[in-house]
Amino acid sequence: MGWMREETGLGKRAANYVPLTPLSHLQRAALVFADREALVYGNTRLSYGRYYRRVSRLASALTKVGVEPGDVVATILPNVPAQSEAAFGVPACGAILNTINTRLDVDTVTYILEHGEAKVALVDSQFLPLAMEALEIMETEPPLIIEVPDTEAGIAGIGEQQDYEDFLATGDPEFPWVLPQDEWESLALNYTSGTTGRPKGVVYHHRGTYLMTMGTPISWELPLFMRYLQIVPLFHCNGWNHTWMMPALGGTVVCCRDITAENIYDAIANEGVTHFGGAPIVLNMLVNARQEDRKPFDHTVEVFTAGAPPAPATLAAIGKLGFNVKQVYGLTETYGHVTECIWDDAWNDLPDDEQAAIKARQGVAFPMMEDVTVVDENMCQVPADGATQGEIVMRGNAVMKGYLKNPRATEKAFAGGYFHSEDLAIQHPDGSIQISDRAKDIIISGGENISSVEVEGALMHHPAVNLCAVVAKPDEKWGEVPCAFVELKEGEQADEVDIIAFTRQRLAGFKCPKHVIFQELPKTSTGKIQKFELRKLAKAL
């Protein structure tokens, strides 16, 4: 063992150590897959060779306007090619990418631009008025705005700011990329939803992102040359890191600006899409699509779903339409998905409803994670009995560096050597986890804990229910009672008495909604139902 202690001549050097970064995927693809289709958007078709040169031009152009390594470059873009180009072009000049949610209000956009200290912002023409309003009220140095028109969608440029294509033309297609000297260097800055205060800035590093792009193909069993429909917004966990992953597989990204059932079915039928990721609301949209919006296809489409626990009824329905759905789970702080529901062939003979219930589990850790488990308030492992509830915690390479300029929140999130999700779950004997609820969404009625997820799962079996959400309503007698907000399918009818009676067939009486409100549900840009808005409504009833 003596030679192992000394390690004479066995140190790191250029030949045997390179800092991990997802930028290497596109550099390789530009050589190995130069003529293969990389990006598709309407009539826009980019080969990997052209994609690489445009990314290099962007990196060069940013450098010419004063962007230096460590600076932040923001985007306010939907899922259009410029957003994918920014995913590589911004870090290729050593800068940090900050993709901003296009549905945020001007006050929050202003806060993010100030907090992240963006030097430049690439802005879609549709959202340029929002950006310019934010600049007017900023108290710090505003970023340079580059306008990105979308001719494919018929959205012309306003013309008051420099045009994106003109900006690219100032760049050098042979620009030498600025690769990280340390894989811990920051790659991206993402902001949490901020529903209970100012959003927190989540910082990703090159190492974690690279390992996400390696772990995902293993877990999703991805083939070379897959065709991926970009539904998950790139401002949401950078599209679960899939844009950075695709060049490693020589795959094709099919951009999707507007997420509709018609556009998804068109992309599958006309562009041969084989894979996509999306929230359960997207699955529900496909299940309930109008017949005229559907297009026939003859291959199985593989789907990752995450964002909220999917209703078993939705999973059972979409499986019959040619989609094979795998449940995954993660947070902004974990670069997106870090657990998966791995299917066991022993479950194939179970009844369909039992199979759908298993598919709704959040599952076990991805291979790039060290540990994902469920613990009690003392950080002790809960029994894996499928009943004892605790908090999901995790540790591994796909966990954020921390919260920008917020050391107190960072220390709290990492207490005990794990990242704390604040999601409540049970753990099954096979180790798979299943979310019970968000801690803040548990309803405590007469001293009994009621899982809103469980009640919602029962409601989704009702044939007239399209979407639903259950929140706590203050009650003088019980403290809190379940209140259901229900969005009905087009052309369907139901009333409060009917809905409550239906849930009583599936749940204990105290778990059933005591009030049912019929309305369209407020949603985030990623399809999550905004329960904080519904809690306000329930409180006011």
Protein backbone atom coordinates (compact mmCIF):
# COMPACT_ATOMS: atom_id res chain seq x y z
CA MET A 1 0.00 0.00 0.00
CA GLY A 2 3.05 2.27 0.20
CA TRP A 3 2.91 3.38 -3.45
CA MET A 4 -0.77 4.36 -3.01
CA ARG A 5 0.14 6.73 -0.18
CA GLU A 6 2.88 8.43 -2.18
CA GLU A 7 1.20 8.43 -5.63
CA THR A 8 4.49 9.47 -7.24
CA GLY A 9 3.81 10.78 -10.73
CA LEU A 10 0.12 9.92 -10.53
CA GLY A 11 -1.30 13.43 -10.31
CA LYS A 12 -3.86 15.22 -12.48
CA ARG A 13 -2.62 16.53 -15.81
CA ALA A 14 -4.02 17.66 -19.14
CA ALA A 15 -4.02 14.14 -20.55
CA ASN A 16 -6.04 12.53 -17.76
CA TYR A 17 -8.22 15.22 -16.19
CA VAL A 18 -10.71 17.63 -17.79
CA PRO A 19 -13.27 19.60 -15.74
CA LEU A 20 -16.71 18.22 -16.50
CA THR A 21 -18.99 20.53 -18.50
CA PRO A 22 -21.99 19.98 -20.80
CA LEU A 23 -20.34 22.32 -23.31
CA SER A 24 -18.20 19.37 -24.38
CA HIS A 25 -21.28 17.63 -25.79
CA LEU A 26 -21.89 20.25 -28.46
CA GLN A 27 -18.20 20.53 -29.29
CA ARG A 28 -18.13 16.78 -29.94
CA ALA A 29 -21.45 16.80 -31.84
CA ALA A 30 -20.14 19.50 -34.19
CA LEU A 31 -17.51 16.99 -35.31
CA VAL A 32 -19.28 13.63 -34.99
CA PHE A 33 -22.80 14.68 -36.03
CA ALA A 34 -21.99 17.76 -38.11
CA ASP A 35 -24.66 17.15 -40.77
CA ARG A 36 -27.35 15.69 -38.51
CA GLU A 37 -30.39 17.76 -37.62
CA ALA A 38 -29.91 19.45 -34.25
CA LEU A 39 -32.73 22.01 -33.96
CA VAL A 40 -36.11 22.15 -35.69
CA TYR A 41 -38.63 24.98 -35.45
CA GLY A 42 -41.14 25.28 -38.26
CA ASN A 43 -39.10 25.94 -41.41
CA THR A 44 -35.93 26.48 -39.36
CA ARG A 45 -33.57 23.48 -39.59
CA LEU A 46 -30.15 23.64 -37.99
CA SER A 47 -27.51 20.96 -38.43
CA TYR A 48 -25.06 20.39 -35.58
CA GLY A 49 -22.35 22.11 -37.58
CA ARG A 50 -24.46 25.23 -38.08
CA TYR A 51 -25.77 25.10 -34.51
CA TYR A 52 -22.18 25.11 -33.20
CA ARG A 53 -21.18 28.05 -35.38
CA ARG A 54 -24.19 30.11 -34.30
CA VAL A 55 -23.45 29.34 -30.64
CA SER A 56 -19.84 30.43 -31.19
CA ARG A 57 -21.03 33.66 -32.80
CA LEU A 58 -23.26 34.33 -29.79
CA ALA A 59 -20.41 33.75 -27.35
CA SER A 60 -18.15 36.01 -29.40
CA ALA A 61 -20.78 38.76 -29.72
CA LEU A 62 -21.39 38.74 -25.97
CA THR A 63 -17.68 39.09 -25.34
CA LYS A 64 -17.51 42.07 -27.72
CA VAL A 65 -20.18 43.97 -25.74
CA GLY A 66 -18.24 43.52 -22.51
CA VAL A 67 -19.53 40.26 -21.03
CA GLU A 68 -16.73 38.67 -19.01
CA PRO A 69 -16.40 35.26 -17.33
CA GLY A 70 -18.59 35.20 -14.23
CA ASP A 71 -21.04 37.80 -15.56
CA VAL A 72 -24.74 36.95 -15.88
CA VAL A 73 -26.64 36.94 -19.19
CA ALA A 74 -30.43 36.71 -18.88
CA THR A 75 -33.05 35.50 -21.33
CA ILE A 76 -36.78 36.16 -21.47
CA LEU A 77 -37.66 33.67 -24.17
CA PRO A 78 -40.10 30.85 -24.87
CA ASN A 79 -38.79 27.54 -26.23
CA VAL A 80 -37.44 28.91 -29.51
CA PRO A 81 -34.02 28.19 -31.07
CA ALA A 82 -32.42 31.29 -29.53
CA GLN A 83 -33.12 29.87 -26.08
CA SER A 84 -31.30 26.64 -26.94
CA GLU A 85 -28.44 28.61 -28.49
CA ALA A 86 -28.14 30.67 -25.31
CA ALA A 87 -27.88 27.47 -23.25
CA PHE A 88 -24.51 26.87 -24.89
CA GLY A 89 -23.50 30.33 -26.11
CA VAL A 90 -23.69 32.10 -22.76
CA PRO A 91 -21.43 29.65 -20.86
CA ALA A 92 -19.19 29.34 -23.95
CA CYS A 93 -17.93 32.86 -23.18
CA GLY A 94 -17.57 32.01 -19.48
CA ALA A 95 -20.80 33.73 -18.44
CA ILE A 96 -23.69 32.42 -16.32
CA LEU A 97 -27.09 31.78 -17.92
CA ASN A 98 -30.20 33.17 -16.21
CA THR A 99 -33.39 32.03 -17.95
CA ILE A 100 -36.33 34.12 -16.68
CA ASN A 101 -39.91 32.86 -16.55
CA THR A 102 -41.90 34.64 -19.27
CA ARG A 103 -45.06 34.70 -17.15
CA LEU A 104 -43.66 36.68 -14.23
CA ASP A 105 -44.93 40.13 -13.32
CA VAL A 106 -42.79 43.21 -13.96
CA ASP A 107 -41.88 43.63 -10.28
CA THR A 108 -40.44 40.10 -10.06
CA VAL A 109 -38.59 40.43 -13.38
CA THR A 110 -37.08 43.68 -12.10
CA TYR A 111 -35.99 41.96 -8.89
CA ILE A 112 -34.34 39.07 -10.77
CA LEU A 113 -32.46 41.37 -13.15
CA GLU A 114 -31.19 43.40 -10.19
CA HIS A 115 -30.44 40.45 -7.91
CA GLY A 116 -28.62 38.46 -10.62
CA GLU A 117 -26.87 41.58 -11.96
CA ALA A 118 -27.50 40.68 -15.60
CA LYS A 119 -25.20 42.41 -18.09
CA VAL A 120 -27.20 41.45 -21.21
CA ALA A 121 -30.74 40.13 -21.75
CA LEU A 122 -32.02 38.31 -24.84
CA VAL A 123 -35.75 39.09 -25.04
CA ASP A 124 -38.50 37.72 -27.30
CA SER A 125 -40.43 40.48 -29.06
CA GLN A 126 -43.67 39.42 -27.35
CA PHE A 127 -42.08 40.05 -23.94
CA LEU A 128 -40.04 43.12 -24.86
CA PRO A 129 -42.59 45.56 -23.32
CA LEU A 130 -42.31 43.62 -20.03
CA ALA A 131 -38.52 43.83 -20.12
CA MET A 132 -38.46 47.54 -20.98
CA GLU A 133 -40.90 48.32 -18.17
CA ALA A 134 -38.62 46.42 -15.78
CA LEU A 135 -35.62 48.44 -16.97
CA GLU A 136 -37.44 51.70 -16.27
CA ILE A 137 -37.84 50.88 -12.58
CA MET A 138 -34.48 49.20 -12.01
CA GLU A 139 -32.29 50.93 -9.44
CA THR A 140 -29.09 49.25 -10.65
CA GLU A 141 -27.29 49.28 -13.99
CA PRO A 142 -29.75 47.84 -16.55
CA PRO A 143 -28.70 45.11 -18.96
CA LEU A 144 -28.18 45.60 -22.67
CA ILE A 145 -31.32 44.34 -24.42
CA ILE A 146 -31.13 42.20 -27.56
CA GLU A 147 -34.51 41.68 -29.24
CA VAL A 148 -35.36 38.19 -30.56
CA PRO A 149 -38.23 38.29 -33.09
CA ASP A 150 -40.02 35.05 -33.98
CA THR A 151 -40.85 35.05 -37.66
CA GLU A 152 -41.92 31.39 -37.53
CA ALA A 153 -44.71 32.37 -35.13
CA GLY A 154 -45.48 35.58 -37.04
CA ILE A 155 -44.11 37.81 -34.26
CA ALA A 156 -42.24 40.67 -35.89
CA GLY A 157 -39.56 42.68 -34.16
CA ILE A 158 -40.41 46.04 -32.60
CA GLY A 159 -37.10 47.36 -33.83
CA GLU A 160 -36.08 49.69 -31.01
CA GLN A 161 -33.34 47.35 -29.73
CA GLN A 162 -30.59 45.50 -31.57
CA ASP A 163 -31.92 42.50 -33.46
CA TYR A 164 -30.69 39.03 -32.43
CA GLU A 165 -29.57 38.00 -35.93
CA ASP A 166 -27.73 41.30 -36.38
CA PHE A 167 -26.09 40.72 -32.99
CA LEU A 168 -24.96 37.23 -34.02
CA ALA A 169 -23.49 38.66 -37.21
CA THR A 170 -21.02 40.66 -35.11
CA GLY A 171 -19.63 37.44 -33.65
CA ASP A 172 -16.89 35.12 -34.84
CA PRO A 173 -18.00 31.56 -35.80
CA GLU A 174 -14.48 30.39 -34.93
CA PHE A 175 -14.54 31.95 -31.45
CA PRO A 176 -12.54 29.80 -28.99
CA TRP A 177 -14.86 28.74 -26.22
CA VAL A 178 -14.06 29.70 -22.63
CA LEU A 179 -14.27 26.34 -20.88
CA PRO A 180 -14.31 26.09 -17.07
CA GLN A 181 -11.00 25.69 -15.30
CA ASP A 182 -12.90 24.22 -12.35
CA GLU A 183 -16.05 22.13 -12.81
CA TRP A 184 -17.48 23.79 -9.68
CA GLU A 185 -17.69 27.08 -11.61
CA SER A 186 -21.23 28.43 -11.94
CA LEU A 187 -23.08 27.61 -15.14
CA ALA A 188 -26.66 28.74 -14.57
CA LEU A 189 -28.80 30.84 -12.25
CA ASN A 190 -32.44 29.83 -11.86
CA TYR A 191 -35.09 31.33 -9.62
CA THR A 192 -37.65 29.48 -7.52
CA SER A 193 -41.33 30.30 -7.88
CA GLY A 194 -41.33 32.69 -4.95
CA THR A 195 -44.93 32.03 -3.94
CA THR A 196 -44.23 32.88 -0.29
CA GLY A 197 -41.88 35.83 -0.83
CA ARG A 198 -39.07 36.86 -3.13
CA PRO A 199 -37.81 34.03 -5.35
CA LYS A 200 -34.47 32.53 -4.41
CA GLY A 201 -31.61 32.34 -6.89
CA VAL A 202 -30.48 28.73 -7.35
CA VAL A 203 -26.94 28.33 -8.69
CA TYR A 204 -25.92 25.33 -10.82
CA HIS A 205 -22.34 24.24 -11.53
CA HIS A 206 -20.84 22.61 -14.64
CA ARG A 207 -20.19 19.30 -12.85
CA GLY A 208 -23.79 18.76 -11.74
CA THR A 209 -25.17 19.64 -15.15
CA TYR A 210 -22.77 17.31 -16.95
CA LEU A 211 -23.68 14.43 -14.66
CA MET A 212 -27.39 15.12 -15.19
CA THR A 213 -26.79 14.74 -18.93
CA MET A 214 -25.09 11.40 -18.25
CA GLY A 215 -27.58 10.04 -15.71
CA THR A 216 -30.71 10.86 -17.68
CA PRO A 217 -29.93 8.68 -20.74
CA ILE A 218 -29.29 5.73 -18.42
CA SER A 219 -32.54 6.18 -16.52
CA TRP A 220 -34.67 6.97 -19.56
CA GLU A 221 -32.90 4.31 -21.68
CA LEU A 222 -32.37 6.91 -24.40
CA PRO A 223 -31.24 5.88 -27.90
CA LEU A 224 -29.00 7.75 -30.31
CA PHE A 225 -30.76 10.14 -32.69
CA MET A 226 -33.95 10.47 -30.65
CA ARG A 227 -36.30 13.31 -31.58
CA TYR A 228 -37.20 15.32 -28.50
CA LEU A 229 -40.12 17.77 -28.28
CA GLN A 230 -39.05 20.69 -26.13
CA ILE A 231 -42.15 21.19 -23.99
CA VAL A 232 -40.57 21.75 -20.55
CA PRO A 233 -39.76 25.50 -20.53
CA LEU A 234 -36.04 26.18 -20.63
CA PHE A 235 -36.61 28.70 -17.86
CA HIS A 236 -37.71 25.78 -15.65
CA CYS A 237 -34.57 23.95 -14.41
CA ASN A 238 -33.09 24.72 -17.86
CA GLY A 239 -35.61 22.33 -19.39
CA TRP A 240 -34.52 19.59 -16.97
CA ASN A 241 -31.06 19.88 -18.59
CA HIS A 242 -32.28 18.04 -21.69
CA THR A 243 -31.05 20.71 -24.13
CA TRP A 244 -27.51 20.26 -22.79
CA MET A 245 -27.93 16.47 -23.09
CA MET A 246 -29.21 16.18 -26.66
CA PRO A 247 -25.88 16.72 -28.52
CA ALA A 248 -24.37 13.78 -26.61
CA LEU A 249 -26.94 11.56 -28.34
CA GLY A 250 -26.90 13.27 -31.73
CA GLY A 251 -30.60 13.89 -31.12
CA THR A 252 -32.93 16.47 -32.62
CA VAL A 253 -34.67 19.11 -30.51
CA VAL A 254 -38.08 20.10 -31.89
CA CYS A 255 -38.87 23.50 -30.41
CA CYS A 256 -42.42 24.19 -29.20
CA ARG A 257 -43.40 27.78 -28.44
CA ASP A 258 -47.05 27.18 -27.57
CA ILE A 259 -47.95 24.03 -25.63
CA THR A 260 -51.26 22.80 -27.04
CA ALA A 261 -52.59 19.32 -27.70
CA GLU A 262 -52.74 20.11 -31.42
CA ASN A 263 -49.10 21.21 -31.55
CA ILE A 264 -47.93 18.15 -29.63
CA TYR A 265 -49.86 15.68 -31.80
CA ASP A 266 -48.64 17.53 -34.93
CA ALA A 267 -45.02 17.28 -33.79
CA ILE A 268 -45.35 13.55 -33.12
CA ALA A 269 -47.06 12.83 -36.44
CA ASN A 270 -45.16 15.25 -38.70
CA GLU A 271 -41.73 15.52 -37.07
CA GLY A 272 -41.48 11.98 -35.74
CA VAL A 273 -41.09 13.06 -32.12
CA THR A 274 -40.13 10.07 -29.98
CA HIS A 275 -39.67 11.66 -26.53
CA PHE A 276 -40.82 14.60 -24.46
CA GLY A 277 -41.11 15.71 -20.86
CA GLY A 278 -44.05 17.50 -19.33
CA ALA A 279 -46.13 18.13 -16.26
CA PRO A 280 -49.25 16.02 -15.57
CA ILE A 281 -51.35 18.87 -16.97
CA VAL A 282 -49.79 18.17 -20.38
CA LEU A 283 -50.77 14.51 -20.13
CA ASN A 284 -54.27 15.54 -19.18
CA MET A 285 -54.39 17.88 -22.17
CA LEU A 286 -53.55 15.00 -24.51
CA VAL A 287 -56.06 12.64 -22.92
CA ASN A 288 -58.88 15.17 -23.27
CA ALA A 289 -57.89 16.63 -26.66
CA ARG A 290 -60.60 17.24 -29.23
CA GLN A 291 -60.72 14.62 -31.97
CA GLU A 292 -59.85 17.21 -34.62
CA ASP A 293 -56.63 18.07 -32.72
CA ARG A 294 -55.38 14.48 -32.67
CA LYS A 295 -53.10 13.04 -35.34
CA PRO A 296 -52.44 9.31 -35.81
CA PHE A 297 -48.96 7.94 -35.16
CA ASP A 298 -47.62 4.40 -35.22
CA HIS A 299 -44.79 4.49 -32.67
CA THR A 300 -44.65 4.63 -28.88
CA VAL A 301 -43.78 8.05 -27.47
CA GLU A 302 -41.70 7.95 -24.30
CA VAL A 303 -42.63 10.56 -21.72
CA PHE A 304 -41.07 11.84 -18.50
CA THR A 305 -43.65 13.51 -16.27
CA ALA A 306 -42.93 15.61 -13.20
CA GLY A 307 -43.95 18.83 -11.51
CA ALA A 308 -46.77 17.40 -9.41
CA PRO A 309 -47.85 13.88 -8.50
CA PRO A 310 -49.87 12.65 -11.52
CA ALA A 311 -53.29 11.19 -10.88
CA PRO A 312 -53.34 7.41 -11.47
CA ALA A 313 -56.48 7.94 -13.57
CA THR A 314 -54.53 10.20 -15.94
CA LEU A 315 -51.66 7.72 -16.22
CA ALA A 316 -54.05 4.88 -16.97
CA ALA A 317 -55.80 6.88 -19.69
CA ILE A 318 -52.74 8.16 -21.55
CA GLY A 319 -51.11 4.75 -21.60
CA LYS A 320 -53.84 3.62 -23.99
CA LEU A 321 -53.04 6.41 -26.50
CA GLY A 322 -49.52 5.35 -27.46
CA PHE A 323 -47.58 7.09 -24.69
CA ASN A 324 -45.34 5.27 -22.21
CA VAL A 325 -45.05 7.49 -19.15
CA LYS A 326 -42.37 7.37 -16.47
CA GLN A 327 -42.81 9.40 -13.30
CA VAL A 328 -39.77 11.40 -12.19
CA TYR A 329 -39.29 13.89 -9.38
CA GLY A 330 -37.04 16.77 -8.51
CA LEU A 331 -36.85 20.46 -7.74
CA THR A 332 -35.22 23.59 -9.09
CA GLU A 333 -32.54 23.03 -6.47
CA THR A 334 -31.72 19.60 -7.94
CA TYR A 335 -31.36 20.58 -11.61
CA GLY A 336 -34.73 18.93 -12.26
CA HIS A 337 -35.48 15.23 -11.97
CA VAL A 338 -33.39 13.13 -9.57
CA THR A 339 -35.70 10.16 -8.87
CA GLU A 340 -37.50 7.79 -11.23
CA CYS A 341 -40.13 5.11 -10.99
CA ILE A 342 -38.29 2.04 -12.32
CA TRP A 343 -40.77 -0.55 -13.54
CA ASP A 344 -40.61 -4.12 -12.26
CA ASP A 345 -41.91 -6.73 -14.71
CA ALA A 346 -43.46 -8.53 -11.74
CA TRP A 347 -46.09 -5.75 -11.76
CA ASN A 348 -47.22 -6.53 -15.32
CA ASP A 349 -49.93 -8.92 -14.16
CA LEU A 350 -51.48 -6.49 -11.69
CA PRO A 351 -54.85 -4.87 -12.48
CA ASP A 352 -54.57 -1.68 -14.55
CA ASP A 353 -55.55 0.59 -11.66
CA GLU A 354 -52.85 -0.91 -9.42
CA GLN A 355 -50.25 -0.51 -12.17
CA ALA A 356 -51.24 3.14 -12.62
CA ALA A 357 -50.95 3.72 -8.87
CA ILE A 358 -47.40 2.30 -8.87
CA LYS A 359 -46.45 4.45 -11.88
CA ALA A 360 -47.50 7.50 -9.87
CA ARG A 361 -44.71 6.88 -7.35
CA GLN A 362 -41.69 9.19 -7.42
CA GLY A 363 -39.41 6.15 -7.18
CA VAL A 364 -35.69 5.80 -6.49
CA ALA A 365 -32.56 7.89 -7.04
CA PHE A 366 -31.05 8.55 -10.48
CA PRO A 367 -27.52 7.12 -10.85
CA MET A 368 -25.82 10.54 -10.49
CA MET A 369 -27.35 10.96 -7.02
CA GLU A 370 -25.70 9.58 -3.88
CA ASP A 371 -28.84 9.14 -1.79
CA VAL A 372 -32.52 10.10 -1.85
CA THR A 373 -34.55 8.96 1.11
CA VAL A 374 -37.24 9.87 3.65
CA VAL A 375 -36.44 10.98 7.19
CA ASP A 376 -38.26 12.16 10.29
CA GLU A 377 -37.80 15.52 12.05
CA ASN A 378 -34.63 14.19 13.72
CA MET A 379 -33.05 13.20 10.38
CA CYS A 380 -33.60 9.52 11.18
CA GLN A 381 -34.64 7.12 8.42
CA VAL A 382 -38.36 6.36 8.51
CA PRO A 383 -39.48 2.72 8.24
CA ALA A 384 -39.87 1.64 4.61
CA ASP A 385 -43.37 0.35 5.31
CA GLY A 386 -45.38 2.32 2.77
CA ALA A 387 -47.17 4.14 5.58
CA THR A 388 -44.81 6.17 7.81
CA GLN A 389 -44.53 9.74 6.60
CA GLY A 390 -41.40 11.91 6.58
CA GLU A 391 -39.53 14.48 4.50
CA ILE A 392 -37.72 13.70 1.25
CA VAL A 393 -34.02 14.60 1.56
CA MET A 394 -31.22 14.08 -0.92
CA ARG A 395 -27.52 14.41 -1.49
CA GLY A 396 -25.40 14.02 -4.60
CA ASN A 397 -23.80 15.82 -7.50
CA ALA A 398 -27.09 17.09 -8.90
CA VAL A 399 -27.76 19.38 -5.94
CA MET A 400 -27.31 23.14 -6.32
CA LYS A 401 -24.28 25.09 -5.10
CA GLY A 402 -26.67 27.12 -2.95
CA TYR A 403 -28.90 30.18 -3.00
CA LEU A 404 -27.34 33.33 -4.45
CA LYS A 405 -26.64 35.99 -1.79
CA ASN A 406 -28.68 34.05 0.77
CA PRO A 407 -26.35 32.06 3.06
CA ARG A 408 -29.00 31.66 5.77
CA ALA A 409 -31.43 29.92 3.40
CA THR A 410 -28.57 27.82 2.01
CA GLU A 411 -27.53 26.59 5.46
CA LYS A 412 -31.14 25.74 6.33
CA ALA A 413 -31.63 23.82 3.08
CA PHE A 414 -28.43 21.78 3.67
CA ALA A 415 -28.92 21.05 7.39
CA GLY A 416 -27.68 17.61 8.43
CA GLY A 417 -25.69 17.03 5.23
CA TYR A 418 -28.71 16.65 2.96
CA PHE A 419 -30.84 18.97 0.85
CA HIS A 420 -34.29 19.33 2.40
CA SER A 421 -37.11 19.23 -0.15
CA GLU A 422 -39.96 20.08 2.26
CA ASP A 423 -41.98 17.42 0.42
CA LEU A 424 -43.68 14.84 2.62
CA ALA A 425 -43.56 11.22 1.50
CA ILE A 426 -43.73 7.57 2.46
CA GLN A 427 -41.16 4.96 1.46
CA HIS A 428 -42.09 1.51 0.18
CA PRO A 429 -40.24 -1.71 1.07
CA ASP A 430 -38.41 -1.62 -2.30
CA GLY A 431 -37.01 1.81 -1.38
CA SER A 432 -39.19 3.83 -3.73
CA ILE A 433 -40.66 7.04 -2.40
CA GLN A 434 -44.16 8.34 -2.89
CA ILE A 435 -45.10 11.93 -2.18
CA SER A 436 -47.88 12.43 0.34
CA ASP A 437 -47.93 16.22 0.04
CA ARG A 438 -46.01 19.43 0.32
CA ALA A 439 -45.62 20.25 4.00
CA LYS A 440 -47.64 23.44 3.51
CA ASP A 441 -50.42 21.58 1.66
CA ILE A 442 -51.27 19.07 4.40
CA ILE A 443 -54.77 19.71 5.76
CA ILE A 444 -55.13 19.24 9.50
CA SER A 445 -58.79 18.65 10.29
CA GLY A 446 -59.81 17.87 13.85
CA GLY A 447 -56.26 16.76 14.57
CA GLU A 448 -56.19 14.37 11.60
CA ASN A 449 -53.74 14.89 8.72
CA ILE A 450 -55.36 14.82 5.29
CA SER A 451 -53.22 14.56 2.15
CA SER A 452 -54.48 16.89 -0.56
CA VAL A 453 -52.77 14.61 -3.10
CA GLU A 454 -54.87 11.65 -1.96
CA VAL A 455 -58.11 13.62 -2.23
CA GLU A 456 -57.13 14.96 -5.65
CA GLY A 457 -56.37 11.43 -6.82
CA ALA A 458 -59.87 10.34 -5.88
CA LEU A 459 -61.46 13.33 -7.60
CA MET A 460 -59.57 12.69 -10.85
CA HIS A 461 -61.41 9.38 -11.26
CA HIS A 462 -64.68 11.28 -11.75
CA PRO A 463 -65.52 11.16 -15.46
CA ALA A 464 -66.44 14.86 -15.62
CA VAL A 465 -63.33 16.21 -13.86
CA ASN A 466 -60.58 17.64 -16.05
CA LEU A 467 -58.36 19.11 -13.31
CA CYS A 468 -58.69 19.63 -9.60
CA ALA A 469 -56.88 20.97 -6.58
CA VAL A 470 -57.65 20.57 -2.89
CA VAL A 471 -56.63 23.09 -0.24
CA ALA A 472 -57.42 23.81 3.40
CA LYS A 473 -60.37 26.04 4.23
CA PRO A 474 -60.51 27.49 7.76
CA ASP A 475 -63.32 25.97 9.82
CA GLU A 476 -64.53 26.99 13.29
CA LYS A 477 -65.24 23.44 14.40
CA TRP A 478 -62.49 21.39 12.75
CA GLY A 479 -59.79 24.01 12.33
CA GLU A 480 -59.47 23.17 8.64
CA VAL A 481 -61.52 21.18 6.14
CA PRO A 482 -60.77 20.12 2.56
CA CYS A 483 -61.99 22.51 -0.12
CA ALA A 484 -61.93 21.27 -3.73
CA PHE A 485 -61.52 23.47 -6.78
CA VAL A 486 -62.65 21.61 -9.88
CA GLU A 487 -62.22 22.34 -13.58
CA LEU A 488 -64.72 20.30 -15.61
CA LYS A 489 -64.15 18.75 -19.02
CA GLU A 490 -65.67 20.61 -21.94
CA GLY A 491 -69.33 19.69 -22.30
CA GLU A 492 -69.49 17.83 -18.95
CA GLN A 493 -71.58 18.73 -15.94
CA ALA A 494 -71.41 17.99 -12.22
CA ASP A 495 -72.46 19.71 -9.01
CA GLU A 496 -71.13 19.87 -5.47
CA VAL A 497 -73.41 17.13 -4.16
CA ASP A 498 -72.36 14.77 -6.94
CA ILE A 499 -68.62 15.41 -6.43
CA ILE A 500 -68.75 14.94 -2.66
CA ALA A 501 -70.83 11.77 -3.00
CA PHE A 502 -68.33 10.40 -5.51
CA THR A 503 -65.35 10.93 -3.19
CA ARG A 504 -67.22 9.25 -0.31
CA GLN A 505 -67.13 6.06 -2.36
CA ARG A 506 -63.31 6.17 -2.32
CA LEU A 507 -62.26 7.99 0.85
CA ALA A 508 -63.00 8.12 4.55
CA GLY A 509 -65.66 10.71 5.33
CA PHE A 510 -63.34 13.17 7.08
CA LYS A 511 -61.08 13.29 3.99
CA CYS A 512 -63.87 14.23 1.60
CA PRO A 513 -64.23 17.84 0.42
CA LYS A 514 -66.70 19.87 2.43
CA HIS A 515 -66.86 22.55 -0.27
CA VAL A 516 -66.53 22.29 -4.06
CA ILE A 517 -65.92 25.31 -6.29
CA PHE A 518 -66.10 25.01 -10.06
CA GLN A 519 -63.71 27.26 -11.99
CA GLU A 520 -60.67 27.31 -14.23
CA LEU A 521 -57.61 26.65 -12.07
CA PRO A 522 -54.74 29.18 -11.93
CA LYS A 523 -51.52 27.64 -13.26
CA THR A 524 -47.85 28.47 -13.56
CA SER A 525 -46.06 28.45 -16.91
CA THR A 526 -44.90 24.89 -16.21
CA GLY A 527 -48.42 23.62 -15.58
CA LYS A 528 -48.36 23.55 -11.79
CA ILE A 529 -51.61 24.59 -10.15
CA GLN A 530 -51.10 27.69 -8.02
CA LYS A 531 -52.46 26.47 -4.72
CA PHE A 532 -51.46 29.63 -2.88
CA GLU A 533 -54.03 31.50 -4.99
CA LEU A 534 -56.68 28.88 -4.21
CA ARG A 535 -55.91 29.08 -0.48
CA LYS A 536 -56.71 32.79 -0.63
CA LEU A 537 -60.03 32.06 -2.34
CA ALA A 538 -60.90 29.30 0.13
CA LYS A 539 -60.14 31.56 3.07
CA ALA A 540 -62.47 34.23 1.66
CA LEU A 541 -65.43 31.86 1.22
